Amino acid sequence: MPTHPHLPAIVIGGGQAGLSASHYLKEQGLNHLIFEKNEPFYAWKNERWDSFCLVTPNHQCHLPGYHYQGDDPDGFMVKDELIAWFQGYLENTNPPLRTGVTVLSVTKPAGHFLVETTAGTWTTDAVICATGSYHTPFTPPGSDQIPPHIKQVFPTDYRNPSDIPPGAVAVIGTGQSGCQLAEELHLEGRKVHLCLGNAPRSPRKYRGKDAVTWLEEMGYYKLSIDQQPNPDKARNTNHYLTGRDGGHEIDLRKFATEGMKLYGYLEGIDQDGFTIRPDAAAKLDSADQSYLRIRQRIDDYIAREGLDAPEEPPFEPCWHPETEATRLDFAAENITSILWCIGFKPNFRFLHFDIFDPKGYPTHQRGITTVQGLVFVGLPWQHTWGSGRLLSVAEDAQHVVTHLSKTLQPQYETAFC
């Protein structure tokens, strides 16, 4: 493989985080390349289901110098609309992007980084890792015991209900993906068995405005992770709701009244079925408590500011489990497929530095690591709730590039070329 000329900076990842970082590197006059192993926005195009849509309003779509300008700011772009919006940004920015290039290894043997790729080797003074952290779908121990005739599917592979064979489907996990896909299959008339996780839920429209819009107006999304009452819990929290059909709340209790079967936490797996913790009622109550806290926070804001907003009726749970199952038997329930929606593991093995915690997540301070010149963009809760989303990824990119420029700029005073 050839060795290429030295660069001030290299960006790994050609999605919204990497392209945002490139924008600010250009502003600082720092020559760089972006390496993308697939194509720009690959995950959005190829690892989202057909009916995928945003769960945050369109008006929160921000990239550097490029915001949503459509006629439905309070709506939720569907997959094709979102991809077209991304493509418009790409065409407007003309970044120094190299697609089909996989980064194999990043080391720092001397005063600069050595970046080995499938297209050759580069040296650089700064590396911006913008690959996110949702890399490898997670399956629990014991999943290899599931009989081969039962199809196991990840959200990254699921496209529509036709991917699920006839029979009942077990959906494991109630984060955003699990809840939305369980709803889709339920609306399609499929028999769904849903094992609950610990994710909280959120209101959608409340007192005349989307709850996400209220929280943005209240300044919640400007709070840093360090300002959260429980930072570790915040990092693991992803409230479930949907933008489907104009946006609505997801109430799993309502699904239960319509025939969906709800279970507690999946504790064990064998060839005949799942062992279930009997805590479905507790998990539903916990999700509702989060839902009510958000409503109360909005109520308090409206009262404090003296705003005129319509009243809402008090929340009343529409269903409670009468019994708690401790077993989900594959044969008895005609389970022919399992949809694993229990999260992802990060894969930063190409970065050969001692900066990762036991779960493989990088330790950093707002994207800046203890390795001089190595930074991250696009991590969930990198700084605020919006860091891993379109709301604030550009702000984080600007922050890390500004940090790098203080070191790099004295070395490179020529204009970007």
Protein backbone atom coordinates (compact mmCIF):
# COMPACT_ATOMS: atom_id res chain seq x y z
CA MET A 1 0.00 0.00 0.00
CA PRO A 2 1.32 3.48 -0.84
CA THR A 3 2.35 6.04 1.75
CA HIS A 4 0.67 9.39 1.18
CA PRO A 5 1.72 12.96 2.03
CA HIS A 6 1.28 14.17 5.57
CA LEU A 7 -2.03 15.90 6.45
CA PRO A 8 -2.91 18.25 9.29
CA ALA A 9 -6.07 16.26 10.07
CA ILE A 10 -7.95 13.10 9.13
CA VAL A 11 -11.65 12.51 9.78
CA ILE A 12 -12.93 8.94 10.13
CA GLY A 13 -16.58 8.62 9.14
CA GLY A 14 -18.57 10.37 6.42
CA GLY A 15 -21.89 10.83 8.16
CA GLN A 16 -23.35 13.95 9.72
CA ALA A 17 -20.65 14.10 12.42
CA GLY A 18 -17.71 13.71 10.05
CA LEU A 19 -19.05 16.18 7.52
CA SER A 20 -19.74 18.72 10.28
CA ALA A 21 -16.14 18.39 11.47
CA SER A 22 -14.94 18.86 7.89
CA HIS A 23 -16.89 22.11 7.62
CA TYR A 24 -15.10 23.60 10.61
CA LEU A 25 -11.69 22.29 9.53
CA LYS A 26 -12.21 24.18 6.27
CA GLU A 27 -13.11 27.31 8.21
CA GLN A 28 -9.84 26.99 10.12
CA GLY A 29 -7.88 26.50 6.88
CA LEU A 30 -6.73 23.00 7.82
CA ASN A 31 -6.21 20.56 4.98
CA HIS A 32 -7.76 17.15 5.65
CA LEU A 33 -9.46 14.07 4.23
CA ILE A 34 -12.58 12.21 5.33
CA PHE A 35 -12.42 8.42 5.12
CA GLU A 36 -15.76 6.62 4.80
CA LYS A 37 -15.74 2.85 4.42
CA ASN A 38 -19.12 2.75 2.69
CA GLU A 39 -20.95 5.78 1.32
CA PRO A 40 -22.06 8.99 3.03
CA PHE A 41 -25.02 8.41 5.38
CA TYR A 42 -24.79 4.67 4.75
CA ALA A 43 -26.56 3.69 7.98
CA TRP A 44 -29.50 6.02 7.28
CA LYS A 45 -29.87 4.56 3.80
CA ASN A 46 -29.20 0.88 4.44
CA GLU A 47 -29.75 0.16 8.13
CA ARG A 48 -33.16 1.74 8.73
CA TRP A 49 -36.53 0.13 8.07
CA ASP A 50 -38.74 1.31 5.21
CA SER A 51 -41.21 3.24 7.40
CA PHE A 52 -38.46 4.86 9.49
CA CYS A 53 -38.99 8.50 10.39
CA LEU A 54 -37.52 11.00 12.80
CA VAL A 55 -38.79 11.07 16.38
CA THR A 56 -37.65 14.67 16.84
CA PRO A 57 -39.33 17.51 14.90
CA ASN A 58 -37.85 18.62 11.60
CA HIS A 59 -36.96 22.03 13.02
CA GLN A 60 -34.27 20.32 15.10
CA CYS A 61 -32.33 19.24 12.00
CA HIS A 62 -29.15 21.31 12.05
CA LEU A 63 -25.89 20.87 10.18
CA PRO A 64 -23.34 23.67 9.73
CA GLY A 65 -25.00 26.39 7.67
CA TYR A 66 -27.75 24.01 6.62
CA HIS A 67 -31.04 23.76 8.50
CA TYR A 68 -34.41 22.29 7.64
CA GLN A 69 -36.18 24.72 5.31
CA GLY A 70 -39.25 22.70 4.36
CA ASP A 71 -42.90 23.52 4.94
CA ASP A 72 -43.44 21.15 7.88
CA PRO A 73 -41.06 22.23 10.68
CA ASP A 74 -43.17 20.49 13.33
CA GLY A 75 -43.40 17.26 11.33
CA PHE A 76 -41.11 14.26 11.13
CA MET A 77 -39.22 13.50 7.94
CA VAL A 78 -39.55 9.94 6.68
CA LYS A 79 -36.54 7.99 5.52
CA ASP A 80 -36.46 9.13 1.88
CA GLU A 81 -37.02 12.78 2.82
CA LEU A 82 -34.23 12.64 5.37
CA ILE A 83 -31.81 11.06 2.91
CA ALA A 84 -32.66 13.75 0.35
CA TRP A 85 -31.98 16.42 2.99
CA PHE A 86 -28.60 14.84 3.76
CA GLN A 87 -27.80 14.64 0.06
CA GLY A 88 -28.55 18.34 -0.31
CA TYR A 89 -26.05 19.12 2.42
CA LEU A 90 -23.40 16.96 0.76
CA GLU A 91 -23.89 18.68 -2.59
CA ASN A 92 -23.69 22.12 -1.00
CA THR A 93 -20.47 21.47 0.89
CA ASN A 94 -18.30 19.45 -1.54
CA PRO A 95 -16.16 17.92 1.24
CA PRO A 96 -12.78 16.20 0.70
CA LEU A 97 -14.43 12.79 1.01
CA ARG A 98 -12.84 9.43 0.13
CA THR A 99 -15.49 6.67 0.04
CA GLY A 100 -14.80 2.95 0.07
CA VAL A 101 -11.80 3.47 2.37
CA THR A 102 -11.69 1.50 5.61
CA VAL A 103 -9.41 2.66 8.41
CA LEU A 104 -7.57 -0.41 9.68
CA SER A 105 -5.36 1.04 12.39
CA VAL A 106 -4.54 4.33 14.09
CA THR A 107 -1.40 4.53 16.21
CA LYS A 108 0.91 7.29 17.39
CA PRO A 109 4.44 5.90 17.26
CA ALA A 110 6.09 9.32 17.42
CA GLY A 111 4.84 12.89 17.41
CA HIS A 112 2.20 12.24 14.79
CA PHE A 113 -0.51 9.66 14.08
CA LEU A 114 -0.04 6.79 11.66
CA VAL A 115 -3.33 5.99 9.89
CA GLU A 116 -3.35 2.74 7.95
CA THR A 117 -6.24 2.21 5.53
CA THR A 118 -7.27 0.00 2.65
CA ALA A 119 -6.11 2.81 0.35
CA GLY A 120 -2.67 3.28 1.88
CA THR A 121 -1.03 4.93 4.87
CA TRP A 122 -1.16 8.56 5.98
CA THR A 123 0.49 10.50 8.76
CA THR A 124 -1.42 13.28 10.45
CA ASP A 125 -1.35 15.57 13.47
CA ALA A 126 -5.01 15.10 14.37
CA VAL A 127 -7.59 12.34 14.11
CA ILE A 128 -11.32 13.05 14.43
CA CYS A 129 -13.26 9.83 14.98
CA ALA A 130 -16.82 10.43 13.77
CA THR A 131 -18.14 6.89 13.48
CA GLY A 132 -20.68 7.11 16.30
CA SER A 133 -20.84 4.26 18.79
CA TYR A 134 -23.72 2.08 17.56
CA HIS A 135 -21.61 -0.45 15.68
CA THR A 136 -22.48 -4.06 16.51
CA PRO A 137 -26.01 -5.22 17.41
CA PHE A 138 -26.07 -6.85 20.81
CA THR A 139 -27.49 -10.30 21.55
CA PRO A 140 -27.61 -11.78 25.04
CA PRO A 141 -25.79 -14.92 26.15
CA GLY A 142 -27.66 -18.04 25.14
CA SER A 143 -29.01 -16.77 21.84
CA ASP A 144 -26.99 -19.49 20.10
CA GLN A 145 -29.27 -22.08 21.74
CA ILE A 146 -32.33 -20.85 19.86
CA PRO A 147 -33.44 -23.46 17.29
CA PRO A 148 -32.34 -22.66 13.72
CA HIS A 149 -35.90 -22.68 12.37
CA ILE A 150 -36.59 -19.51 14.40
CA LYS A 151 -35.37 -16.50 12.44
CA GLN A 152 -33.32 -13.97 14.42
CA VAL A 153 -33.41 -10.40 13.08
CA PHE A 154 -31.72 -7.13 14.09
CA PRO A 155 -33.26 -3.68 13.47
CA THR A 156 -30.38 -2.91 11.07
CA ASP A 157 -31.53 -5.81 8.85
CA TYR A 158 -35.30 -5.38 9.19
CA ARG A 159 -37.04 -3.46 6.39
CA ASN A 160 -40.76 -4.25 6.65
CA PRO A 161 -43.17 -6.87 8.04
CA SER A 162 -42.59 -9.13 5.03
CA ASP A 163 -39.13 -9.85 6.46
CA ILE A 164 -40.82 -11.64 9.37
CA PRO A 165 -42.03 -15.18 8.56
CA PRO A 166 -45.63 -16.23 9.27
CA GLY A 167 -46.29 -16.93 12.91
CA ALA A 168 -45.74 -14.99 16.11
CA VAL A 169 -42.76 -12.68 16.66
CA ALA A 170 -40.93 -11.99 19.91
CA VAL A 171 -39.60 -8.44 20.11
CA ILE A 172 -36.93 -8.03 22.76
CA GLY A 173 -36.36 -4.52 24.07
CA THR A 174 -38.48 -1.40 24.40
CA GLY A 175 -36.18 1.39 23.35
CA GLN A 176 -37.19 3.47 20.36
CA SER A 177 -36.49 0.73 17.79
CA GLY A 178 -38.18 -2.03 19.76
CA CYS A 179 -41.32 -0.03 20.46
CA GLN A 180 -41.65 1.34 16.94
CA LEU A 181 -41.12 -2.04 15.27
CA ALA A 182 -43.45 -3.77 17.72
CA GLU A 183 -46.06 -1.17 16.83
CA GLU A 184 -45.52 -1.65 13.10
CA LEU A 185 -45.91 -5.42 13.33
CA HIS A 186 -48.91 -5.04 15.63
CA LEU A 187 -50.62 -2.66 13.19
CA GLU A 188 -49.90 -5.18 10.44
CA GLY A 189 -51.97 -7.69 12.38
CA ARG A 190 -49.04 -9.82 13.53
CA LYS A 191 -49.04 -11.54 16.92
CA VAL A 192 -46.36 -9.75 18.94
CA HIS A 193 -44.80 -10.86 22.22
CA LEU A 194 -42.86 -7.91 23.67
CA CYS A 195 -40.22 -8.30 26.40
CA LEU A 196 -39.83 -4.98 28.21
CA GLY A 197 -36.60 -3.17 28.98
CA ASN A 198 -35.88 -0.19 31.18
CA ALA A 199 -36.46 2.61 28.67
CA PRO A 200 -38.73 5.45 29.81
CA ARG A 201 -41.43 6.96 27.64
CA SER A 202 -42.25 10.52 26.68
CA PRO A 203 -45.36 12.52 25.85
CA ARG A 204 -45.69 13.59 22.22
CA LYS A 205 -48.00 16.59 21.95
CA TYR A 206 -48.84 18.07 25.34
CA ARG A 207 -50.66 21.28 26.17
CA GLY A 208 -50.70 22.49 22.59
CA LYS A 209 -47.09 21.78 21.60
CA ASP A 210 -44.77 18.85 20.96
CA ALA A 211 -43.06 17.86 24.22
CA VAL A 212 -39.66 17.92 22.47
CA THR A 213 -40.32 21.50 21.39
CA TRP A 214 -41.34 22.44 24.93
CA LEU A 215 -38.14 20.95 26.35
CA GLU A 216 -36.03 22.76 23.78
CA GLU A 217 -37.76 26.05 24.62
CA MET A 218 -37.14 25.38 28.30
CA GLY A 219 -33.41 25.00 27.72
CA TYR A 220 -33.29 21.33 28.67
CA TYR A 221 -31.27 20.35 25.62
CA LYS A 222 -28.57 22.87 26.50
CA LEU A 223 -27.82 21.11 29.80
CA SER A 224 -24.58 19.17 29.73
CA ILE A 225 -24.25 15.58 30.85
CA ASP A 226 -22.51 16.84 34.00
CA GLN A 227 -25.59 18.90 34.84
CA GLN A 228 -27.88 15.86 34.78
CA PRO A 229 -28.95 14.60 38.23
CA ASN A 230 -27.87 11.07 37.27
CA PRO A 231 -25.34 11.19 34.40
CA ASP A 232 -24.96 7.41 34.08
CA LYS A 233 -28.71 6.93 33.86
CA ALA A 234 -29.02 9.75 31.34
CA ARG A 235 -26.49 8.07 29.05
CA ASN A 236 -28.54 4.89 29.04
CA THR A 237 -31.88 6.63 28.58
CA ASN A 238 -33.71 6.91 25.29
CA HIS A 239 -37.37 7.79 25.74
CA TYR A 240 -39.70 5.98 23.40
CA LEU A 241 -42.22 7.78 21.22
CA THR A 242 -42.70 8.01 17.46
CA GLY A 243 -43.01 10.41 14.55
CA ARG A 244 -45.08 7.90 12.59
CA ASP A 245 -48.23 9.26 10.91
CA GLY A 246 -47.54 12.78 12.12
CA GLY A 247 -46.26 11.74 15.53
CA HIS A 248 -47.89 10.18 18.55
CA GLU A 249 -47.16 8.70 21.94
CA ILE A 250 -46.43 5.02 22.34
CA ASP A 251 -48.46 3.51 25.18
CA LEU A 252 -47.60 -0.17 25.55
CA ARG A 253 -50.58 -0.62 27.85
CA LYS A 254 -52.89 0.28 24.96
CA PHE A 255 -51.18 -2.31 22.77
CA ALA A 256 -51.90 -4.89 25.49
CA THR A 257 -55.62 -4.07 25.37
CA GLU A 258 -55.45 -4.78 21.62
CA GLY A 259 -53.85 -8.19 21.95
CA MET A 260 -50.09 -7.63 22.20
CA LYS A 261 -48.58 -9.75 24.97
CA LEU A 262 -46.24 -7.93 27.34
CA TYR A 263 -43.56 -9.60 29.42
CA GLY A 264 -40.93 -8.52 31.91
CA TYR A 265 -37.18 -8.62 31.50
CA LEU A 266 -35.61 -11.48 29.53
CA GLU A 267 -33.45 -13.35 32.05
CA GLY A 268 -32.47 -16.57 30.31
CA ILE A 269 -32.55 -18.45 27.02
CA ASP A 270 -32.70 -22.15 26.21
CA GLN A 271 -33.74 -24.14 23.16
CA ASP A 272 -37.39 -24.19 24.25
CA GLY A 273 -37.95 -20.57 25.17
CA PHE A 274 -37.21 -17.59 27.39
CA THR A 275 -37.13 -17.32 31.15
CA ILE A 276 -38.82 -14.07 32.11
CA ARG A 277 -38.50 -11.88 35.20
CA PRO A 278 -42.03 -11.08 36.44
CA ASP A 279 -41.57 -7.31 36.45
CA ALA A 280 -43.69 -6.09 33.52
CA ALA A 281 -45.94 -4.07 35.85
CA ALA A 282 -42.94 -2.40 37.48
CA LYS A 283 -41.39 -1.52 34.11
CA LEU A 284 -44.63 -0.06 32.79
CA ASP A 285 -45.01 1.99 35.97
CA SER A 286 -41.42 3.23 35.73
CA ALA A 287 -41.90 4.30 32.10
CA ASP A 288 -45.09 6.12 33.05
CA GLN A 289 -43.34 7.90 35.92
CA SER A 290 -40.87 9.36 33.43
CA TYR A 291 -43.78 10.35 31.17
CA LEU A 292 -45.47 12.14 34.08
CA ARG A 293 -42.26 13.88 35.17
CA ILE A 294 -41.91 15.41 31.72
CA ARG A 295 -45.52 16.57 31.81
CA GLN A 296 -44.98 18.07 35.25
CA ARG A 297 -41.82 19.84 34.10
CA ILE A 298 -43.80 21.41 31.25
CA ASP A 299 -46.68 22.32 33.60
CA ASP A 300 -44.25 24.05 35.95
CA TYR A 301 -42.66 25.99 33.08
CA ILE A 302 -46.03 27.15 31.77
CA ALA A 303 -47.07 28.30 35.24
CA ARG A 304 -43.73 29.99 35.95
CA GLU A 305 -43.76 31.91 32.66
CA GLY A 306 -47.46 32.72 32.81
CA LEU A 307 -48.11 31.14 29.41
CA ASP A 308 -51.52 30.53 27.92
CA ALA A 309 -51.68 26.83 27.09
CA PRO A 310 -54.63 24.43 26.94
CA GLU A 311 -55.17 22.10 29.86
CA GLU A 312 -54.83 18.33 29.53
CA PRO A 313 -56.78 15.63 31.38
CA PRO A 314 -54.86 13.69 34.03
CA PHE A 315 -53.17 10.49 32.92
CA GLU A 316 -54.97 7.26 33.78
CA PRO A 317 -53.34 3.89 32.93
CA CYS A 318 -55.63 1.97 30.60
CA TRP A 319 -54.35 -1.51 31.50
CA HIS A 320 -52.56 -3.41 34.24
CA PRO A 321 -51.21 -6.96 33.97
CA GLU A 322 -53.36 -9.37 35.99
CA THR A 323 -50.63 -12.00 36.09
CA GLU A 324 -46.90 -12.01 35.38
CA ALA A 325 -45.52 -14.67 33.03
CA THR A 326 -42.19 -16.23 33.94
CA ARG A 327 -41.83 -18.20 30.74
CA LEU A 328 -42.25 -17.62 27.00
CA ASP A 329 -42.38 -21.00 25.28
CA PHE A 330 -41.45 -20.94 21.59
CA ALA A 331 -43.61 -23.89 20.50
CA ALA A 332 -46.65 -23.09 22.64
CA GLU A 333 -46.77 -19.51 21.34
CA ASN A 334 -45.80 -20.41 17.75
CA ILE A 335 -42.75 -18.12 17.85
CA THR A 336 -41.15 -18.20 14.40
CA SER A 337 -38.95 -15.11 14.68
CA ILE A 338 -37.14 -12.96 17.23
CA LEU A 339 -36.40 -9.29 16.70
CA TRP A 340 -33.46 -8.24 18.90
CA CYS A 341 -33.74 -4.57 19.87
CA ILE A 342 -31.47 -4.44 22.91
CA GLY A 343 -28.82 -2.04 21.75
CA PHE A 344 -25.38 -1.98 20.20
CA LYS A 345 -21.79 -2.46 21.24
CA PRO A 346 -19.10 0.02 20.16
CA ASN A 347 -16.20 -1.18 18.04
CA PHE A 348 -13.18 1.11 18.17
CA ARG A 349 -10.58 -1.66 17.86
CA PHE A 350 -8.79 0.23 15.09
CA LEU A 351 -7.84 2.93 17.62
CA HIS A 352 -4.83 1.57 19.51
CA PHE A 353 -4.94 3.77 22.59
CA ASP A 354 -5.65 3.14 26.26
CA ILE A 355 -8.69 5.41 26.48
CA PHE A 356 -11.59 2.94 26.55
CA ASP A 357 -13.72 1.80 29.48
CA PRO A 358 -14.58 -1.89 30.09
CA LYS A 359 -17.56 -1.60 27.74
CA GLY A 360 -15.38 -0.27 24.91
CA TYR A 361 -16.66 3.31 25.14
CA PRO A 362 -14.06 6.10 24.89
CA THR A 363 -13.34 8.25 27.92
CA HIS A 364 -13.33 11.91 26.97
CA GLN A 365 -14.29 15.43 27.98
CA ARG A 366 -16.75 16.74 25.42
CA GLY A 367 -15.05 14.65 22.75
CA ILE A 368 -11.48 15.51 23.71
CA THR A 369 -9.34 12.60 24.89
CA THR A 370 -6.09 12.42 26.87
CA VAL A 371 -4.26 11.53 23.64
CA GLN A 372 -3.25 14.88 22.18
CA GLY A 373 -4.84 15.32 18.76
CA LEU A 374 -7.40 12.49 19.09
CA VAL A 375 -11.01 13.63 19.41
CA PHE A 376 -14.51 12.25 18.86
CA VAL A 377 -17.69 13.70 17.36
CA GLY A 378 -21.19 12.25 17.25
CA LEU A 379 -21.16 10.19 20.44
CA PRO A 380 -24.45 9.99 22.39
CA TRP A 381 -24.39 12.48 25.26
CA GLN A 382 -20.94 13.64 24.16
CA HIS A 383 -21.90 16.93 25.77
CA THR A 384 -25.70 17.30 25.74
CA TRP A 385 -28.80 15.31 24.83
CA GLY A 386 -28.49 16.56 21.25
CA SER A 387 -24.86 15.48 20.75
CA GLY A 388 -25.62 12.21 19.01
CA ARG A 389 -28.52 13.78 17.15
CA LEU A 390 -28.97 16.36 14.43
CA LEU A 391 -29.80 19.02 17.01
CA SER A 392 -26.28 19.55 18.38
CA VAL A 393 -23.77 17.46 16.45
CA ALA A 394 -22.54 20.59 14.64
CA GLU A 395 -21.90 22.40 17.95
CA ASP A 396 -19.78 19.52 19.18
CA ALA A 397 -17.88 19.37 15.89
CA GLN A 398 -17.11 23.07 16.15
CA HIS A 399 -15.90 22.61 19.73
CA VAL A 400 -13.41 19.83 18.98
CA VAL A 401 -12.09 21.51 15.82
CA THR A 402 -11.58 24.77 17.70
CA HIS A 403 -9.65 22.79 20.31
CA LEU A 404 -7.49 21.12 17.65
CA SER A 405 -6.84 24.37 15.79
CA LYS A 406 -5.14 25.88 18.83
CA THR A 407 -2.45 23.23 18.43
CA LEU A 408 -2.43 22.80 14.68
CA GLN A 409 -2.89 26.33 13.36
CA PRO A 410 0.62 27.60 14.17
CA GLN A 411 2.00 24.75 12.05
CA TYR A 412 -0.32 25.38 9.09
CA GLU A 413 -0.80 29.01 8.29
CA THR A 414 -1.48 28.51 4.60
CA ALA A 415 -5.06 28.56 3.39
CA PHE A 416 -7.04 25.37 2.98
CA CYS A 417 -6.51 23.74 -0.39
